[in-house]
């Protein structure tokens, strides 16, 4: 897996070399967060606060993929 973040005027990120399981994990997290965690009523002072409804069910392979993605992100952001 390769994760890069450009430091240009308009920062952009790229992730390449992901397995289909890793892609599936990312898509599931984004989908659940978008559909279940943020309601119109959760917005306050131009910020969105998630509720406690972030429930994500992963199998063993997906959990390992999530850990791998998390480790790569931590390498980039410190």
C-alpha atoms as a PDB file:
ATOM      1  CA  UNK A   1       0.000   0.000   0.000  1.00  0.00           C
ATOM      2  CA  UNK A   2       1.231   3.489  -0.791  1.00  0.00           C
ATOM      3  CA  UNK A   3      -0.331   6.546   0.830  1.00  0.00           C
ATOM      4  CA  UNK A   4       0.876   9.991  -0.204  1.00  0.00           C
ATOM      5  CA  UNK A   5      -0.278  13.489   0.640  1.00  0.00           C
ATOM      6  CA  UNK A   6       0.949  16.415  -1.440  1.00  0.00           C
ATOM      7  CA  UNK A   7       2.069  19.580   0.322  1.00  0.00           C
ATOM      8  CA  UNK A   8       1.104  21.891  -2.542  1.00  0.00           C
ATOM      9  CA  UNK A   9      -1.182  24.919  -2.570  1.00  0.00           C
ATOM     10  CA  UNK A  10      -4.204  22.628  -2.772  1.00  0.00           C
ATOM     11  CA  UNK A  11      -3.238  19.497  -0.785  1.00  0.00           C
ATOM     12  CA  UNK A  12      -4.367  16.218  -2.291  1.00  0.00           C
ATOM     13  CA  UNK A  13      -4.008  12.640  -1.158  1.00  0.00           C
ATOM     14  CA  UNK A  14      -3.523   9.436  -3.071  1.00  0.00           C
ATOM     15  CA  UNK A  15      -3.812   5.848  -1.943  1.00  0.00           C
ATOM     16  CA  UNK A  16      -2.661   3.135  -4.312  1.00  0.00           C
ATOM     17  CA  UNK A  17      -1.940  -0.548  -4.179  1.00  0.00           C
ATOM     18  CA  UNK A  18      -4.919  -1.433  -1.976  1.00  0.00           C
ATOM     19  CA  UNK A  19      -6.373  -4.921  -1.925  1.00  0.00           C
ATOM     20  CA  UNK A  20     -10.089  -5.259  -2.591  1.00  0.00           C
ATOM     21  CA  UNK A  21     -10.592  -6.018   1.124  1.00  0.00           C
ATOM     22  CA  UNK A  22      -8.878  -2.749   2.075  1.00  0.00           C
ATOM     23  CA  UNK A  23     -11.025  -0.833  -0.425  1.00  0.00           C
ATOM     24  CA  UNK A  24     -14.140  -2.559   0.946  1.00  0.00           C
ATOM     25  CA  UNK A  25     -13.238  -1.526   4.508  1.00  0.00           C
ATOM     26  CA  UNK A  26     -12.783   2.125   3.517  1.00  0.00           C
ATOM     27  CA  UNK A  27     -16.061   2.167   1.582  1.00  0.00           C
ATOM     28  CA  UNK A  28     -17.937   0.587   4.505  1.00  0.00           C
ATOM     29  CA  UNK A  29     -16.582   3.105   7.010  1.00  0.00           C
ATOM     30  CA  UNK A  30     -17.439   6.076   4.808  1.00  0.00           C
ATOM     31  CA  UNK A  31     -20.905   4.709   4.026  1.00  0.00           C
ATOM     32  CA  UNK A  32     -21.779   4.045   7.678  1.00  0.00           C
ATOM     33  CA  UNK A  33     -20.439   7.411   8.828  1.00  0.00           C
ATOM     34  CA  UNK A  34     -22.346   9.258   6.109  1.00  0.00           C
ATOM     35  CA  UNK A  35     -25.663   7.464   6.554  1.00  0.00           C
ATOM     36  CA  UNK A  36     -25.791   6.933  10.306  1.00  0.00           C
ATOM     37  CA  UNK A  37     -23.553   9.334  12.173  1.00  0.00           C
ATOM     38  CA  UNK A  38     -24.383  12.807  10.959  1.00  0.00           C
ATOM     39  CA  UNK A  39     -27.912  14.190  10.926  1.00  0.00           C
ATOM     40  CA  UNK A  40     -28.975  17.731  10.080  1.00  0.00           C
ATOM     41  CA  UNK A  41     -29.722  18.266  13.780  1.00  0.00           C
ATOM     42  CA  UNK A  42     -26.116  17.375  14.670  1.00  0.00           C
ATOM     43  CA  UNK A  43     -24.716  20.540  13.069  1.00  0.00           C
ATOM     44  CA  UNK A  44     -23.725  23.294  15.482  1.00  0.00           C
ATOM     45  CA  UNK A  45     -21.645  26.399  14.753  1.00  0.00           C
ATOM     46  CA  UNK A  46     -20.547  25.163  11.317  1.00  0.00           C
ATOM     47  CA  UNK A  47     -19.309  21.877  12.800  1.00  0.00           C
ATOM     48  CA  UNK A  48     -20.793  18.428  12.572  1.00  0.00           C
ATOM     49  CA  UNK A  49     -20.873  16.256  15.676  1.00  0.00           C
ATOM     50  CA  UNK A  50     -21.424  12.538  15.247  1.00  0.00           C
ATOM     51  CA  UNK A  51     -23.886  10.684  17.371  1.00  0.00           C
ATOM     52  CA  UNK A  52     -23.082   7.427  19.148  1.00  0.00           C
ATOM     53  CA  UNK A  53     -24.485   5.312  16.327  1.00  0.00           C
ATOM     54  CA  UNK A  54     -21.199   4.440  14.617  1.00  0.00           C
ATOM     55  CA  UNK A  55     -21.493   0.681  14.478  1.00  0.00           C
ATOM     56  CA  UNK A  56     -19.344  -1.176  12.004  1.00  0.00           C
ATOM     57  CA  UNK A  57     -19.179  -4.945  11.703  1.00  0.00           C
ATOM     58  CA  UNK A  58     -16.023  -6.372  10.123  1.00  0.00           C
ATOM     59  CA  UNK A  59     -14.825  -9.905   9.540  1.00  0.00           C
ATOM     60  CA  UNK A  60     -11.268 -10.915  10.539  1.00  0.00           C
ATOM     61  CA  UNK A  61      -9.782 -10.073   7.139  1.00  0.00           C
ATOM     62  CA  UNK A  62     -11.481  -6.689   7.056  1.00  0.00           C
ATOM     63  CA  UNK A  63     -10.284  -5.919  10.606  1.00  0.00           C
ATOM     64  CA  UNK A  64      -6.701  -6.735   9.626  1.00  0.00           C
ATOM     65  CA  UNK A  65      -7.080  -4.521   6.553  1.00  0.00           C
ATOM     66  CA  UNK A  66      -8.402  -1.695   8.733  1.00  0.00           C
ATOM     67  CA  UNK A  67      -5.391  -2.009  11.049  1.00  0.00           C
ATOM     68  CA  UNK A  68      -3.037  -1.913   8.060  1.00  0.00           C
ATOM     69  CA  UNK A  69      -4.713   1.212   6.674  1.00  0.00           C
ATOM     70  CA  UNK A  70      -4.599   2.865  10.101  1.00  0.00           C
ATOM     71  CA  UNK A  71      -0.890   2.115  10.458  1.00  0.00           C
ATOM     72  CA  UNK A  72      -0.133   3.626   7.052  1.00  0.00           C
ATOM     73  CA  UNK A  73      -2.129   6.761   7.887  1.00  0.00           C
ATOM     74  CA  UNK A  74      -0.300   7.163  11.213  1.00  0.00           C
ATOM     75  CA  UNK A  75       3.043   6.946   9.381  1.00  0.00           C
ATOM     76  CA  UNK A  76       2.009   9.921   7.258  1.00  0.00           C
ATOM     77  CA  UNK A  77       0.405  12.135   9.897  1.00  0.00           C
ATOM     78  CA  UNK A  78       2.632  11.111  12.775  1.00  0.00           C
END
